[in-house]
Protein backbone atom coordinates (compact mmCIF):
# COMPACT_ATOMS: atom_id res chain seq x y z
CA MET A 1 141.39 12.97 -21.80
CA THR A 2 143.30 10.28 -23.65
CA THR A 3 143.94 10.83 -27.34
CA PRO A 4 143.73 7.92 -29.82
CA GLU A 5 147.50 7.87 -30.12
CA HIS A 6 147.81 7.30 -26.40
CA HIS A 7 145.57 4.24 -26.51
CA ALA A 8 148.55 2.27 -27.74
CA HIS A 9 149.94 2.62 -24.20
CA GLY A 10 146.99 0.76 -22.72
CA GLU A 11 147.30 -2.84 -21.67
CA SER A 12 148.10 -5.21 -24.51
CA VAL A 13 145.46 -7.96 -24.40
CA GLY A 14 145.75 -9.75 -27.73
CA TYR A 15 146.52 -9.56 -31.43
CA ARG A 16 146.91 -5.85 -32.32
CA ARG A 17 144.57 -5.16 -29.40
CA THR A 18 144.91 -2.86 -26.42
CA ALA A 19 142.49 -2.28 -23.56
CA LEU A 20 141.86 0.77 -21.42
CA THR A 21 139.73 0.87 -18.27
CA ILE A 22 137.79 4.11 -17.92
CA SER A 23 135.00 5.58 -15.82
CA PRO A 24 131.47 5.98 -17.19
CA ASP A 25 131.87 9.76 -17.38
CA ALA A 26 134.84 9.35 -19.74
CA VAL A 27 132.93 7.23 -22.27
CA PRO A 28 131.57 9.97 -24.59
CA GLY A 29 134.95 11.68 -24.93
CA GLN A 30 136.86 8.49 -25.60
CA VAL A 31 134.29 7.18 -28.07
CA GLY A 32 134.18 10.50 -29.91
CA GLU A 33 137.95 10.62 -30.29
CA LEU A 34 138.15 7.07 -31.61
CA LEU A 35 135.37 7.67 -34.12
CA ASP A 36 137.09 10.86 -35.28
CA ALA A 37 140.31 8.88 -35.74
CA GLY A 38 138.57 6.50 -38.17
CA PHE A 39 137.75 3.62 -35.85
CA ARG A 40 134.52 1.63 -36.17
CA ILE A 41 132.42 0.41 -33.25
CA ALA A 42 132.56 -3.32 -33.82
CA LEU A 43 130.58 -4.19 -30.69
CA ILE A 44 129.42 -3.04 -27.28
CA ALA A 45 128.86 -5.86 -24.80
CA GLY A 46 127.58 -6.15 -21.28
CA HIS A 47 129.42 -8.36 -18.77
CA ASP A 48 128.44 -9.70 -15.37
CA ASP A 49 131.58 -10.01 -13.25
CA GLY A 50 129.74 -11.10 -10.11
CA ASP A 51 130.26 -8.20 -7.73
CA ALA A 52 130.00 -5.62 -10.52
CA LEU A 53 128.82 -5.19 -14.09
CA ARG A 54 131.01 -4.04 -16.95
CA ALA A 55 130.54 -2.65 -20.43
CA VAL A 56 133.13 -3.41 -23.12
CA TYR A 57 133.45 -1.29 -26.27
CA LEU A 58 135.49 -2.79 -29.11
CA PHE A 59 136.77 -0.48 -31.86
CA THR A 60 138.50 -1.61 -35.03
CA GLN A 61 140.40 0.37 -37.65
CA ALA A 62 140.69 -0.63 -41.30
CA GLY A 63 144.13 -0.63 -42.85
CA THR A 64 146.10 -0.69 -39.59
CA ASP A 65 143.97 -3.56 -38.23
CA ARG A 66 144.21 -1.97 -34.78
CA ARG A 67 141.69 -3.04 -32.13
CA ILE A 68 141.04 -0.88 -29.07
CA GLU A 69 138.83 -1.85 -26.15
CA LEU A 70 137.28 0.42 -23.54
CA HIS A 71 136.32 -1.38 -20.33
CA VAL A 72 133.81 0.45 -18.11
CA PRO A 73 133.20 -1.00 -14.60
CA LEU A 74 129.67 -0.27 -13.35
CA ASP A 75 127.97 -0.27 -9.97
CA ARG A 76 125.79 -3.37 -9.85
CA ASP A 77 123.10 -1.52 -7.90
CA HIS A 78 123.09 1.46 -10.27
CA PRO A 79 124.47 0.36 -13.66
CA HIS A 80 124.22 3.59 -15.63
CA LEU A 81 126.51 5.11 -18.25
CA PRO A 82 126.17 7.98 -20.72
CA SER A 83 124.70 7.05 -24.07
CA VAL A 84 126.84 7.62 -27.17
CA ALA A 85 123.95 6.98 -29.57
CA ARG A 86 124.17 10.57 -30.80
CA LEU A 87 127.75 9.88 -31.89
CA SER A 88 127.02 6.55 -33.55
CA PHE A 89 123.75 4.97 -34.64
CA SER A 90 125.30 1.51 -34.30
CA ALA A 91 126.32 2.27 -30.72
CA GLY A 92 122.73 3.17 -29.92
CA ARG A 93 121.58 -0.27 -31.08
CA PHE A 94 124.18 -2.04 -28.95
CA GLU A 95 123.22 0.11 -25.93
CA ARG A 96 119.55 -0.82 -26.24
CA GLU A 97 120.46 -4.51 -26.53
CA MET A 98 122.70 -4.26 -23.46
CA ARG A 99 119.95 -2.57 -21.45
CA ASP A 100 117.40 -5.25 -22.35
CA LEU A 101 119.69 -8.19 -21.52
CA PHE A 102 121.79 -6.84 -18.61
CA GLY A 103 119.80 -3.93 -17.20
CA ILE A 104 122.69 -1.54 -17.98
CA VAL A 105 121.02 1.81 -18.64
CA PRO A 106 122.35 4.23 -21.30
CA ASP A 107 121.37 7.62 -19.92
CA ASP A 108 119.97 10.23 -22.32
CA HIS A 109 119.45 7.74 -25.15
CA PRO A 110 117.55 9.44 -28.00
CA LEU A 111 115.45 6.31 -28.64
CA PRO A 112 115.01 4.65 -25.25
CA ARG A 113 112.40 2.08 -26.30
CA ARG A 114 113.27 -1.59 -25.84
CA LEU A 115 114.95 -3.49 -28.66
CA VAL A 116 115.24 -7.19 -27.76
CA ARG A 117 112.60 -7.44 -25.04
CA HIS A 118 109.08 -8.35 -26.12
CA PHE A 119 106.01 -7.38 -24.12
CA HIS A 120 105.71 -10.83 -22.53
CA TRP A 121 109.16 -10.61 -20.94
CA PRO A 122 108.55 -9.87 -17.24
CA GLN A 123 109.64 -6.46 -16.05
CA GLY A 124 112.93 -6.33 -14.18
CA TRP A 125 114.16 -9.70 -15.50
CA TYR A 126 117.50 -9.49 -17.32
CA PRO A 127 118.42 -12.94 -18.69
CA MET A 128 122.17 -12.40 -19.14
CA LEU A 129 122.81 -11.70 -15.45
CA HIS A 130 124.44 -14.63 -13.70
CA ASP A 131 121.67 -14.78 -11.07
CA ALA A 132 118.77 -14.34 -13.51
CA GLY A 133 117.65 -17.93 -13.12
CA GLU A 134 114.80 -19.40 -15.11
CA PRO A 135 112.29 -16.99 -16.63
CA PRO A 136 109.69 -16.04 -14.04
CA GLU A 137 106.00 -16.61 -14.65
CA PHE A 138 104.40 -14.17 -17.02
CA GLY A 139 102.74 -11.46 -15.01
CA ASP A 140 103.39 -7.74 -15.03
CA VAL A 141 104.33 -7.32 -18.68
CA ASP A 142 105.69 -4.26 -20.48
CA GLY A 143 102.68 -3.72 -22.69
CA PRO A 144 102.44 -3.55 -26.49
CA TYR A 145 105.31 -2.35 -28.63
CA PRO A 146 104.99 1.41 -29.31
CA PHE A 147 104.70 1.40 -33.08
CA ARG A 148 104.47 4.82 -34.68
CA THR A 149 100.84 5.91 -34.99
CA VAL A 150 99.79 6.68 -38.55
CA GLU A 151 97.53 9.65 -39.19
CA GLY A 152 96.23 11.66 -42.09
CA PRO A 153 93.78 11.23 -44.94
CA GLY A 154 94.30 8.05 -46.90
CA VAL A 155 97.03 6.72 -44.61
CA TYR A 156 96.66 3.16 -43.40
CA GLU A 157 98.72 0.25 -42.08
CA ILE A 158 99.63 -3.12 -43.57
CA PRO A 159 100.84 -5.61 -40.96
CA VAL A 160 102.89 -8.55 -42.24
CA GLY A 161 103.99 -11.42 -40.03
CA PRO A 162 105.46 -12.41 -37.65
CA VAL A 163 104.36 -15.79 -39.06
CA HIS A 164 105.12 -16.01 -42.78
CA ALA A 165 104.08 -18.34 -45.59
CA GLY A 166 107.43 -20.05 -45.97
CA MET A 167 110.31 -21.69 -44.14
CA ILE A 168 111.65 -18.47 -42.67
CA GLU A 169 111.87 -17.31 -39.11
CA PRO A 170 109.35 -14.88 -37.63
CA GLY A 171 109.56 -11.13 -38.05
CA HIS A 172 106.83 -8.50 -38.00
CA PHE A 173 106.80 -5.75 -40.63
CA ARG A 174 104.38 -2.87 -40.24
CA PHE A 175 103.95 -0.68 -43.32
CA SER A 176 102.48 2.80 -43.06
CA VAL A 177 101.26 3.61 -46.57
CA VAL A 178 99.19 5.99 -48.60
CA GLY A 179 97.97 4.33 -51.77
CA GLU A 180 100.92 2.05 -52.58
CA THR A 181 103.63 4.44 -51.36
CA ILE A 182 105.48 3.37 -48.21
CA LEU A 183 105.74 6.30 -45.78
CA ASN A 184 107.30 4.28 -42.99
CA LEU A 185 108.28 0.69 -42.30
CA LYS A 186 109.06 -0.77 -38.90
CA ALA A 187 110.61 -4.22 -38.59
CA ARG A 188 110.05 -5.87 -35.20
CA LEU A 189 112.36 -8.83 -34.62
CA TRP A 190 113.57 -11.01 -31.72
CA PHE A 191 110.52 -13.28 -31.71
CA VAL A 192 112.78 -16.33 -31.28
CA HIS A 193 115.52 -14.92 -29.07
CA LYS A 194 117.47 -18.09 -28.25
CA GLY A 195 119.75 -16.94 -25.46
CA LEU A 196 122.63 -18.27 -27.55
CA GLU A 197 125.35 -16.18 -25.94
CA LYS A 198 124.45 -17.56 -22.53
CA LEU A 199 124.50 -21.11 -23.88
CA PHE A 200 128.23 -20.65 -24.58
CA GLN A 201 128.99 -19.87 -20.94
CA GLY A 202 130.68 -22.58 -18.90
CA ARG A 203 131.56 -24.73 -21.91
CA ARG A 204 135.05 -25.52 -23.00
CA PRO A 205 135.81 -23.91 -26.38
CA GLU A 206 136.20 -27.31 -28.03
CA GLU A 207 132.66 -28.14 -26.89
CA ALA A 208 131.15 -24.92 -28.27
CA PHE A 209 131.91 -25.28 -31.97
CA GLU A 210 128.48 -26.72 -32.71
CA LEU A 211 126.90 -23.59 -31.23
CA ALA A 212 129.12 -21.35 -33.33
CA GLU A 213 128.25 -23.32 -36.48
CA ARG A 214 124.56 -22.74 -35.80
CA VAL A 215 124.50 -19.04 -34.97
CA SER A 216 123.07 -18.62 -38.46
CA GLY A 217 122.78 -21.88 -40.40
CA ASP A 218 123.77 -20.42 -43.77
CA THR A 219 126.92 -18.89 -42.26
CA ALA A 220 128.46 -21.92 -40.55
CA VAL A 221 131.99 -21.18 -41.79
CA GLY A 222 131.88 -17.46 -41.10
CA HIS A 223 130.76 -17.77 -37.47
CA THR A 224 132.86 -20.82 -36.70
CA LEU A 225 135.94 -19.10 -38.08
CA ALA A 226 135.31 -15.90 -36.12
CA PHE A 227 134.80 -17.93 -32.93
CA CYS A 228 137.92 -19.97 -33.61
CA GLN A 229 140.00 -16.84 -34.26
CA ALA A 230 138.79 -15.36 -30.98
CA ILE A 231 139.80 -18.45 -28.99
CA GLU A 232 143.17 -18.56 -30.76
CA ASP A 233 143.69 -14.90 -29.87
CA ALA A 234 142.78 -15.56 -26.23
CA ARG A 235 145.17 -18.53 -26.05
CA SER A 236 147.91 -16.87 -28.14
CA LEU A 237 147.80 -19.73 -30.62
CA SER A 238 149.62 -19.33 -33.93
CA VAL A 239 147.85 -20.61 -37.04
CA PRO A 240 149.94 -21.86 -39.98
CA VAL A 241 149.54 -20.10 -43.30
CA GLN A 242 148.36 -23.35 -44.87
CA ALA A 243 145.49 -23.54 -42.37
CA GLN A 244 144.55 -19.94 -43.15
CA GLN A 245 144.48 -20.78 -46.85
CA LEU A 246 142.19 -23.77 -46.29
CA ARG A 247 139.92 -21.61 -44.13
CA ALA A 248 139.75 -18.99 -46.87
CA ILE A 249 138.65 -21.63 -49.38
CA LEU A 250 135.83 -22.76 -47.08
CA LEU A 251 134.78 -19.14 -46.52
CA GLU A 252 134.60 -18.42 -50.25
CA LEU A 253 132.70 -21.64 -50.96
CA GLU A 254 130.13 -20.49 -48.44
CA ARG A 255 129.93 -17.12 -50.20
CA LEU A 256 129.38 -18.80 -53.56
CA TYR A 257 126.38 -20.95 -52.77
CA ASN A 258 124.63 -18.17 -50.84
CA HIS A 259 125.22 -15.48 -53.45
CA VAL A 260 123.94 -17.59 -56.34
CA THR A 261 120.85 -18.47 -54.28
CA ASP A 262 120.14 -14.75 -53.85
CA LEU A 263 120.62 -14.05 -57.56
CA GLY A 264 117.97 -16.64 -58.38
CA ALA A 265 115.56 -15.41 -55.72
CA LEU A 266 115.88 -11.84 -56.98
CA CYS A 267 115.11 -12.98 -60.52
CA ASN A 268 112.09 -14.83 -59.16
CA ASP A 269 110.82 -11.67 -57.43
CA ALA A 270 110.99 -9.94 -60.83
CA GLY A 271 108.90 -12.72 -62.41
CA HIS A 272 111.77 -14.53 -64.15
CA SER A 273 111.25 -17.89 -62.47
CA ILE A 274 113.21 -19.90 -65.03
CA LEU A 275 116.42 -18.15 -63.97
CA ASN A 276 115.59 -18.96 -60.35
CA ALA A 277 115.30 -22.61 -61.36
CA HIS A 278 118.72 -22.47 -62.99
CA ALA A 279 120.16 -20.76 -59.91
CA GLY A 280 118.77 -23.63 -57.85
CA ARG A 281 120.50 -26.08 -60.17
CA ILE A 282 123.81 -24.27 -59.73
CA ARG A 283 123.32 -24.05 -55.98
CA GLU A 284 122.90 -27.82 -55.82
CA GLN A 285 126.16 -28.25 -57.73
CA LEU A 286 127.91 -26.02 -55.21
CA LEU A 287 126.39 -27.85 -52.23
CA ARG A 288 127.70 -31.13 -53.65
CA ILE A 289 131.14 -29.56 -54.00
CA ASN A 290 130.88 -28.48 -50.35
CA ASP A 291 130.06 -32.04 -49.33
CA HIS A 292 132.99 -33.38 -51.37
CA VAL A 293 135.38 -30.84 -49.83
CA ALA A 294 134.26 -30.81 -46.19
CA GLY A 295 131.98 -33.82 -45.78
CA HIS A 296 129.02 -31.51 -45.12
CA ARG A 297 126.82 -29.60 -47.54
CA LEU A 298 126.92 -26.54 -45.28
CA LEU A 299 130.68 -26.90 -44.73
CA ARG A 300 130.54 -27.75 -41.04
CA GLY A 301 133.36 -29.55 -39.27
CA GLY A 302 136.46 -28.41 -41.18
CA ILE A 303 137.72 -25.67 -38.87
CA HIS A 304 139.26 -26.43 -35.50
CA LEU A 305 141.53 -24.68 -33.04
CA GLY A 306 144.92 -23.94 -34.53
CA GLY A 307 144.26 -25.68 -37.83
CA THR A 308 141.96 -26.82 -40.61
CA ALA A 309 141.21 -30.12 -42.30
CA VAL A 310 139.19 -30.85 -45.42
CA ARG A 311 138.67 -34.10 -47.31
CA HIS A 312 139.49 -32.78 -50.75
CA LEU A 313 140.33 -29.53 -52.46
CA PRO A 314 137.66 -28.24 -54.85
CA ASP A 315 138.13 -28.93 -58.54
CA THR A 316 138.99 -25.58 -60.07
CA ASP A 317 137.90 -26.55 -63.58
CA THR A 318 134.44 -27.35 -62.26
CA LEU A 319 134.33 -24.04 -60.40
CA ALA A 320 135.40 -22.18 -63.55
CA SER A 321 132.55 -23.81 -65.46
CA ILE A 322 130.11 -22.88 -62.71
CA GLY A 323 131.43 -19.32 -62.79
CA GLU A 324 130.67 -19.11 -66.50
CA ASP A 325 127.20 -20.49 -65.85
CA ILE A 326 126.54 -17.85 -63.18
CA ALA A 327 127.85 -15.07 -65.40
CA GLU A 328 125.47 -16.18 -68.16
CA LEU A 329 122.57 -16.26 -65.68
CA ALA A 330 123.35 -12.71 -64.54
CA SER A 331 123.70 -11.55 -68.15
CA LEU A 332 120.32 -13.04 -69.06
CA ALA A 333 118.73 -11.37 -66.04
CA LEU A 334 120.11 -7.89 -66.66
CA GLY A 335 119.68 -8.24 -70.40
CA HIS A 336 115.95 -8.59 -69.85
CA SER A 337 114.44 -5.12 -69.93
CA VAL A 338 111.71 -5.94 -67.40
CA VAL A 339 114.14 -7.39 -64.85
CA ARG A 340 116.65 -4.59 -65.24
CA ASP A 341 113.95 -1.95 -64.98
CA ARG A 342 112.57 -3.68 -61.88
CA PHE A 343 115.98 -3.55 -60.17
CA SER A 344 117.26 -0.19 -61.35
CA GLY A 345 116.56 2.72 -59.01
CA THR A 346 114.57 0.54 -56.61
CA ALA A 347 115.07 1.05 -52.86
CA VAL A 348 118.16 3.24 -52.97
CA LEU A 349 120.38 3.31 -49.90
CA THR A 350 122.64 6.30 -50.40
CA HIS A 351 126.33 6.38 -49.54
CA GLU A 352 125.60 8.81 -46.71
CA GLN A 353 122.81 6.66 -45.29
CA ALA A 354 124.92 3.50 -45.49
CA THR A 355 127.76 5.30 -43.70
CA ASP A 356 125.58 6.80 -40.97
CA LEU A 357 123.87 3.47 -40.25
CA GLY A 358 127.18 1.55 -40.11
CA THR A 359 126.20 -0.98 -42.77
CA LEU A 360 128.46 -3.87 -43.73
CA GLY A 361 129.04 -6.41 -46.49
CA TYR A 362 127.44 -6.27 -49.91
CA VAL A 363 124.83 -3.81 -48.62
CA ALA A 364 127.60 -1.33 -47.81
CA ARG A 365 129.66 -2.06 -50.92
CA ALA A 366 126.63 -1.60 -53.19
CA SER A 367 126.34 1.91 -51.73
CA GLY A 368 129.99 2.68 -52.46
CA LEU A 369 131.55 1.89 -49.07
CA ALA A 370 134.93 0.15 -49.16
CA VAL A 371 134.22 -2.18 -46.24
CA ASP A 372 135.64 -5.71 -46.39
CA ALA A 373 137.36 -7.57 -43.54
CA ARG A 374 139.29 -9.69 -46.05
CA HIS A 375 141.22 -6.52 -46.84
CA ASP A 376 140.80 -4.50 -43.64
CA HIS A 377 141.65 -7.35 -41.23
CA PRO A 378 143.49 -9.88 -43.41
CA THR A 379 144.64 -13.32 -42.32
CA LEU A 380 146.26 -14.38 -45.59
CA PRO A 381 149.83 -13.22 -46.30
CA GLU A 382 148.67 -11.63 -49.56
CA PRO A 383 145.03 -10.57 -49.22
CA GLY A 384 144.99 -8.99 -52.68
CA GLU A 385 143.61 -5.72 -53.88
CA ARG A 386 140.41 -4.36 -52.40
CA ALA A 387 137.57 -5.41 -54.69
CA SER A 388 135.99 -2.60 -56.70
CA HIS A 389 132.42 -2.81 -57.94
CA SER A 390 130.96 -1.40 -61.11
CA HIS A 391 127.60 -0.51 -59.52
CA THR A 392 127.53 1.52 -56.30
CA GLN A 393 124.21 3.36 -56.65
CA GLY A 394 122.79 1.57 -53.62
CA ASP A 395 119.72 0.16 -55.39
CA VAL A 396 118.55 -3.43 -55.91
CA LEU A 397 120.52 -3.53 -59.16
CA ALA A 398 123.73 -2.61 -57.35
CA ARG A 399 123.18 -5.26 -54.69
CA PHE A 400 122.52 -7.83 -57.44
CA THR A 401 125.62 -6.80 -59.40
CA VAL A 402 127.91 -6.73 -56.36
CA ARG A 403 127.02 -10.36 -55.74
CA THR A 404 127.86 -11.37 -59.32
CA GLU A 405 131.21 -9.60 -59.12
CA GLU A 406 132.00 -11.18 -55.75
CA ILE A 407 131.22 -14.63 -57.15
CA ALA A 408 133.87 -14.12 -59.84
CA HIS A 409 136.32 -12.84 -57.21
CA SER A 410 135.64 -15.84 -54.93
CA ILE A 411 136.28 -18.36 -57.72
CA GLU A 412 139.49 -16.54 -58.63
CA LEU A 413 140.69 -16.60 -55.00
CA ILE A 414 139.81 -20.28 -54.52
CA THR A 415 141.64 -21.17 -57.75
CA ARG A 416 144.75 -19.32 -56.64
CA LEU A 417 144.73 -20.94 -53.18
CA VAL A 418 144.18 -24.46 -54.55
CA LYS A 419 147.20 -24.00 -56.80
CA VAL A 420 149.34 -22.84 -53.86
CA LEU A 421 148.19 -25.71 -51.61
CA ASP A 422 149.16 -28.23 -54.28
CA GLY A 423 146.97 -31.05 -52.95
CA ARG A 424 147.49 -30.48 -49.22
CA THR A 425 144.21 -30.80 -47.32
CA THR A 426 145.23 -30.79 -43.67
CA SER A 427 147.01 -28.32 -41.43
CA PRO A 428 146.69 -29.39 -37.78
CA GLY A 429 148.56 -26.43 -36.29
CA ASP A 430 149.95 -26.14 -32.77
CA THR A 431 147.49 -25.87 -29.87
CA SER A 432 150.09 -25.90 -27.10
CA ASP A 433 151.27 -22.25 -27.20
CA ALA A 434 149.43 -21.09 -24.10
CA GLY A 435 147.72 -24.20 -22.83
CA PRO A 436 144.00 -24.72 -22.42
CA HIS A 437 143.71 -23.28 -18.90
CA ALA A 438 144.86 -19.71 -19.45
CA ALA A 439 142.37 -16.93 -18.75
CA GLY A 440 142.21 -14.17 -21.31
CA SER A 441 140.15 -12.52 -24.01
CA GLY A 442 140.18 -12.77 -27.77
CA VAL A 443 138.62 -11.23 -30.87
CA GLY A 444 137.82 -12.83 -34.23
CA ILE A 445 136.97 -10.78 -37.33
CA VAL A 446 135.81 -12.48 -40.54
CA GLU A 447 134.20 -11.27 -43.77
CA GLY A 448 131.27 -13.65 -43.95
CA TRP A 449 129.15 -13.73 -47.07
CA ARG A 450 126.72 -11.15 -45.61
CA GLY A 451 129.50 -8.96 -44.24
CA THR A 452 131.86 -8.57 -41.30
CA ILE A 453 131.33 -11.00 -38.41
CA VAL A 454 132.87 -10.26 -35.00
CA HIS A 455 133.20 -12.61 -32.03
CA ARG A 456 134.70 -11.57 -28.72
CA VAL A 457 135.36 -14.15 -26.00
CA GLU A 458 136.58 -14.14 -22.42
CA LEU A 459 137.99 -17.30 -20.88
CA ALA A 460 137.87 -18.14 -17.18
CA SER A 461 140.95 -19.43 -15.35
CA ASP A 462 139.77 -23.01 -15.82
CA GLY A 463 139.70 -22.51 -19.59
CA THR A 464 135.91 -22.42 -19.93
CA LEU A 465 134.02 -19.68 -21.73
CA ARG A 466 133.01 -16.90 -19.39
CA ARG A 467 131.50 -14.60 -22.03
CA VAL A 468 130.94 -14.81 -25.79
CA LYS A 469 129.65 -11.78 -27.69
CA VAL A 470 128.54 -12.42 -31.28
CA VAL A 471 127.87 -9.76 -33.91
CA ASP A 472 126.36 -10.89 -37.19
CA PRO A 473 126.31 -8.18 -39.91
CA SER A 474 122.52 -8.47 -39.98
CA PHE A 475 122.37 -6.77 -36.57
CA LEU A 476 123.82 -3.64 -38.15
CA ASN A 477 122.13 -3.96 -41.56
CA TRP A 478 118.51 -4.50 -40.48
CA PRO A 479 117.89 -0.78 -39.79
CA ALA A 480 118.97 0.04 -43.36
CA LEU A 481 116.09 -1.93 -44.91
CA PRO A 482 113.29 0.48 -43.80
CA VAL A 483 115.45 3.45 -44.80
CA ALA A 484 115.92 2.08 -48.33
CA LEU A 485 112.18 1.39 -48.65
CA THR A 486 111.02 4.90 -47.73
CA ASP A 487 108.99 6.44 -50.60
CA THR A 488 109.03 3.20 -52.59
CA ILE A 489 105.88 1.16 -53.21
CA VAL A 490 104.60 -1.92 -51.40
CA PRO A 491 105.38 -4.26 -54.37
CA ASP A 492 109.04 -3.17 -54.02
CA PHE A 493 109.31 -4.94 -50.68
CA PRO A 494 109.97 -8.52 -51.92
CA PRO A 495 112.95 -7.72 -54.22
CA THR A 496 114.31 -5.16 -51.77
CA ASN A 497 114.07 -7.52 -48.83
CA LYS A 498 115.81 -10.25 -50.84
CA SER A 499 118.52 -7.85 -52.03
CA PHE A 500 119.39 -7.27 -48.35
CA ASN A 501 118.71 -10.92 -47.35
CA LEU A 502 119.24 -10.34 -43.65
CA SER A 503 119.43 -13.15 -41.11
CA TYR A 504 116.78 -13.50 -38.41
CA ALA A 505 118.84 -16.14 -36.60
CA GLY A 506 122.03 -14.10 -36.69
CA ASN A 507 120.14 -11.12 -35.29
CA ASP A 508 117.92 -12.95 -32.81
CA LEU A 509 120.67 -14.47 -30.70
C-alpha cells in the first residue's frame, strides 16, 4: 500500500499536483491514508472514457497546497468500487452523485438512496454517459423519495416548497416536528438539475466562460476564476502577479456585496426591517462600484485566460466610507437586544459537526474551523495572515459576525492592492506557453464568498473540454443546515437558512 509520502512519486500532472492510477480494491486504503495525513477530499468525479469509465478523487492539503489525484479505471459493464463514505461524509455525497449521473456504484454505501435523481428520471438512464442521448420518455419511474416516516404522539410534518413565495429556486423542506420543536429536517434539492457539466463538453475553453459565470449567478467571479485557473493549469500558463492582484480585487468586491445583502436579510428575519433597507442601499452602492470597475454589476467579463482587465480601480475612500456604514449597521443590529437575543444560541453547528460534515467558508469559520483557500491555496505573493474571528460558537450570531469581520478584511485587502497597482487596470498575460491544442488536466481552487470553489477540467487533444467537474461550497454545506436546526423551533428556520445562505444553482448543476 502506498503511503502519503510516496504519492509525490506519482505522475506530475499540474501545479503542485500528482496523479496515481489504482485499482478499485485499493481505494479505501489510499483514501484513509490521505485523510489521516490531513488531506481534504475536494471532489470525486465520474468520467466516461469511451471504452471504460473512471473515477477521479482529488485531495488537497492546506499549508503545503499539495494536490493528489487517485484515478480508478472501471469496467464499463460492471462499474463498481468500494464506498469510502464511512471514512468521509463528503465522499459519500460525491459517490451518490456519481452513481446517479454515471451509474458508477459505490458498494456498501451506508446511505444508498439516490441524491440527484428525482422519481421522474427513467430507471437505467445516466445522463453524463457519452451515449446517454436525449432523455427517454417518462415510463418506469423510481417511485417517491423515501422521506423518513414520522411516528409518535403529537409528531407531525410540515412540508415547505419546492415552489416558494419569492424569486428563489425550488427546494423542498420537510419538517418533522412536535409542537414547534424540529425533530428532523430533510432538504430535497435538484429540482432544476441543468446538466451544466455536460454543457461544457466539446466547447473550447474560451467559449465556456459564460457558462462558468452562470454556475451560480451571485458567484460569477468565484466560478469564473476557478475555471480559468483550471484551464491555465492544464495549459501550463503563467499568470502575472498584476493579473492575480486584479483578480483578487474582483473576488473581494463580490464578497462585499453578497455579505452586506445577507446582513440586511438577517436583520429583516429578526424584524428589524429598517436595517435591511439600509443594507439594500449599501448593496446598491457596491453594485454601482462593480459596474464602474468591471462594466457589469455582477462583475462579469473581467477575467480571461492568462490575464485580467478592468475599466477602473475602485475608489478606496468610497470603500472606506462604505465600510464604516456597514460597521454601524452591524453595531445597530447587535446593539438591539431583540436582534442579538434572536441570533445568539440559535441553530448551533458545533466545531465537531462542522468538521465531520466537511463544511466550508463562513459556515465553517463561524464554527471555529480555519478553512480559507486565500490562505491555504494562495495565488498572491503575500496572502497575509489567516483571518481570525471573534465569534466561533457556530450559531446565527457567529455567522452574522464572521460576515462583518470579513467585510472589513475585504476592504483592507482591496485598499492594499489598489495602492500596489498604482492605477494599472490591465494585465493581458501570456497565453502561448503550451498552445491551445495540448491535452491535459487542470485544477482551480478559489475562496468564493460562500467558501472554497473547486473546478477540475480535462482537455482533449484538439483543445476542447472533455470533462469539467464543478464543486460549489453549497454542495458540501447543505447537509449542515438540517444538523444545525435539530432541536430548534420552526420560527428559527428563516434566520438560520439565511445565515447559511446556500446556493440552489451551485448545488443543482
